[in-house]
Amino acid sequence: MAERSIFAQIDEIKEVLEQRRREHLRSHGRHERAAAEHVLRLECVLKTLEWVRDNQDDLKAYARNRRQEAERGSPK
């Protein structure tokens, strides 16, 4: 299975988030609380993906260093 780029994932979450925000504005009662929680979760996912996008070079370097340490048998 092909992996989607971080940019595609961010675009998808932004679309879903905007849709859920509109639905939240129209919701009432217990549905309103559930909708608000869902919006909050999507906002957190979006912020995480944006952070990963903005720090992907550092993350790749960290992963490369960890892999090299593991190959050498160095402790974590």
C-alpha atoms as a PDB file:
ATOM      1  CA  MET A   1       0.000   0.000   0.000  1.00  0.00           C
ATOM      2  CA  ALA A   2       1.380   3.395  -0.966  1.00  0.00           C
ATOM      3  CA  GLU A   3       1.934   5.868   1.821  1.00  0.00           C
ATOM      4  CA  ARG A   4       0.323   9.275   1.496  1.00  0.00           C
ATOM      5  CA  SER A   5       2.532  12.306   1.884  1.00  0.00           C
ATOM      6  CA  ILE A   6       2.343  14.389   5.023  1.00  0.00           C
ATOM      7  CA  PHE A   7       0.980  17.206   2.857  1.00  0.00           C
ATOM      8  CA  ALA A   8      -1.899  15.044   1.589  1.00  0.00           C
ATOM      9  CA  GLN A   9      -2.718  13.988   5.143  1.00  0.00           C
ATOM     10  CA  ILE A  10      -2.742  17.596   6.336  1.00  0.00           C
ATOM     11  CA  ASP A  11      -5.022  18.636   3.473  1.00  0.00           C
ATOM     12  CA  GLU A  12      -7.409  15.778   4.253  1.00  0.00           C
ATOM     13  CA  ILE A  13      -7.570  16.598   7.964  1.00  0.00           C
ATOM     14  CA  LYS A  14      -8.152  20.293   7.185  1.00  0.00           C
ATOM     15  CA  GLU A  15     -11.109  19.372   4.972  1.00  0.00           C
ATOM     16  CA  VAL A  16     -12.619  17.037   7.555  1.00  0.00           C
ATOM     17  CA  LEU A  17     -12.019  19.564  10.334  1.00  0.00           C
ATOM     18  CA  GLU A  18     -13.866  22.323   8.477  1.00  0.00           C
ATOM     19  CA  GLN A  19     -16.763  19.974   7.789  1.00  0.00           C
ATOM     20  CA  ARG A  20     -16.926  18.933  11.442  1.00  0.00           C
ATOM     21  CA  ARG A  21     -16.786  22.573  12.574  1.00  0.00           C
ATOM     22  CA  ARG A  22     -19.822  23.348  10.411  1.00  0.00           C
ATOM     23  CA  GLU A  23     -21.639  20.301  11.805  1.00  0.00           C
ATOM     24  CA  HIS A  24     -20.741  21.371  15.349  1.00  0.00           C
ATOM     25  CA  LEU A  25     -22.352  24.767  14.789  1.00  0.00           C
ATOM     26  CA  ARG A  26     -25.608  23.024  13.811  1.00  0.00           C
ATOM     27  CA  SER A  27     -25.581  20.454  16.628  1.00  0.00           C
ATOM     28  CA  HIS A  28     -27.549  20.616  19.877  1.00  0.00           C
ATOM     29  CA  GLY A  29     -27.652  18.833  23.227  1.00  0.00           C
ATOM     30  CA  ARG A  30     -25.472  15.792  23.745  1.00  0.00           C
ATOM     31  CA  HIS A  31     -24.589  15.786  20.049  1.00  0.00           C
ATOM     32  CA  GLU A  32     -23.043  19.215  20.486  1.00  0.00           C
ATOM     33  CA  ARG A  33     -20.618  17.934  23.119  1.00  0.00           C
ATOM     34  CA  ALA A  34     -19.633  14.934  21.005  1.00  0.00           C
ATOM     35  CA  ALA A  35     -19.138  17.195  17.994  1.00  0.00           C
ATOM     36  CA  ALA A  36     -16.990  19.589  20.040  1.00  0.00           C
ATOM     37  CA  GLU A  37     -14.814  16.710  21.263  1.00  0.00           C
ATOM     38  CA  HIS A  38     -14.413  15.423  17.710  1.00  0.00           C
ATOM     39  CA  VAL A  39     -13.366  18.889  16.502  1.00  0.00           C
ATOM     40  CA  LEU A  40     -10.815  19.096  19.312  1.00  0.00           C
ATOM     41  CA  ARG A  41      -9.356  15.688  18.401  1.00  0.00           C
ATOM     42  CA  LEU A  42      -9.071  16.700  14.753  1.00  0.00           C
ATOM     43  CA  GLU A  43      -7.370  19.960  15.732  1.00  0.00           C
ATOM     44  CA  CYS A  44      -4.832  17.970  17.756  1.00  0.00           C
ATOM     45  CA  VAL A  45      -4.197  15.595  14.847  1.00  0.00           C
ATOM     46  CA  LEU A  46      -3.727  18.559  12.515  1.00  0.00           C
ATOM     47  CA  LYS A  47      -1.256  20.271  14.870  1.00  0.00           C
ATOM     48  CA  THR A  48       0.698  17.019  15.232  1.00  0.00           C
ATOM     49  CA  LEU A  49       0.886  16.491  11.467  1.00  0.00           C
ATOM     50  CA  GLU A  50       1.970  20.099  10.949  1.00  0.00           C
ATOM     51  CA  TRP A  51       4.685  19.659  13.593  1.00  0.00           C
ATOM     52  CA  VAL A  52       5.904  16.482  11.892  1.00  0.00           C
ATOM     53  CA  ARG A  53       5.931  18.287   8.532  1.00  0.00           C
ATOM     54  CA  ASP A  54       7.892  21.203   9.985  1.00  0.00           C
ATOM     55  CA  ASN A  55      10.407  18.937  11.762  1.00  0.00           C
ATOM     56  CA  GLN A  56      10.747  16.038   9.332  1.00  0.00           C
ATOM     57  CA  ASP A  57      14.453  16.611   8.657  1.00  0.00           C
ATOM     58  CA  ASP A  58      15.247  16.456  12.367  1.00  0.00           C
ATOM     59  CA  LEU A  59      13.029  13.394  12.796  1.00  0.00           C
ATOM     60  CA  LYS A  60      14.748  11.596   9.919  1.00  0.00           C
ATOM     61  CA  ALA A  61      18.173  12.413  11.356  1.00  0.00           C
ATOM     62  CA  TYR A  62      17.090  11.155  14.786  1.00  0.00           C
ATOM     63  CA  ALA A  63      15.744   7.916  13.296  1.00  0.00           C
ATOM     64  CA  ARG A  64      18.938   7.432  11.275  1.00  0.00           C
ATOM     65  CA  ASN A  65      21.090   7.918  14.397  1.00  0.00           C
ATOM     66  CA  ARG A  66      18.964   5.475  16.406  1.00  0.00           C
ATOM     67  CA  ARG A  67      19.199   2.900  13.626  1.00  0.00           C
ATOM     68  CA  GLN A  68      22.998   3.280  13.453  1.00  0.00           C
ATOM     69  CA  GLU A  69      23.277   2.932  17.226  1.00  0.00           C
ATOM     70  CA  ALA A  70      21.173  -0.217  17.135  1.00  0.00           C
ATOM     71  CA  GLU A  71      23.333  -1.675  14.372  1.00  0.00           C
ATOM     72  CA  ARG A  72      26.447  -1.024  16.445  1.00  0.00           C
ATOM     73  CA  GLY A  73      24.771  -2.516  19.499  1.00  0.00           C
ATOM     74  CA  SER A  74      24.971   0.678  21.511  1.00  0.00           C
ATOM     75  CA  PRO A  75      22.618   1.037  24.472  1.00  0.00           C
ATOM     76  CA  LYS A  76      19.580   3.273  23.994  1.00  0.00           C
END
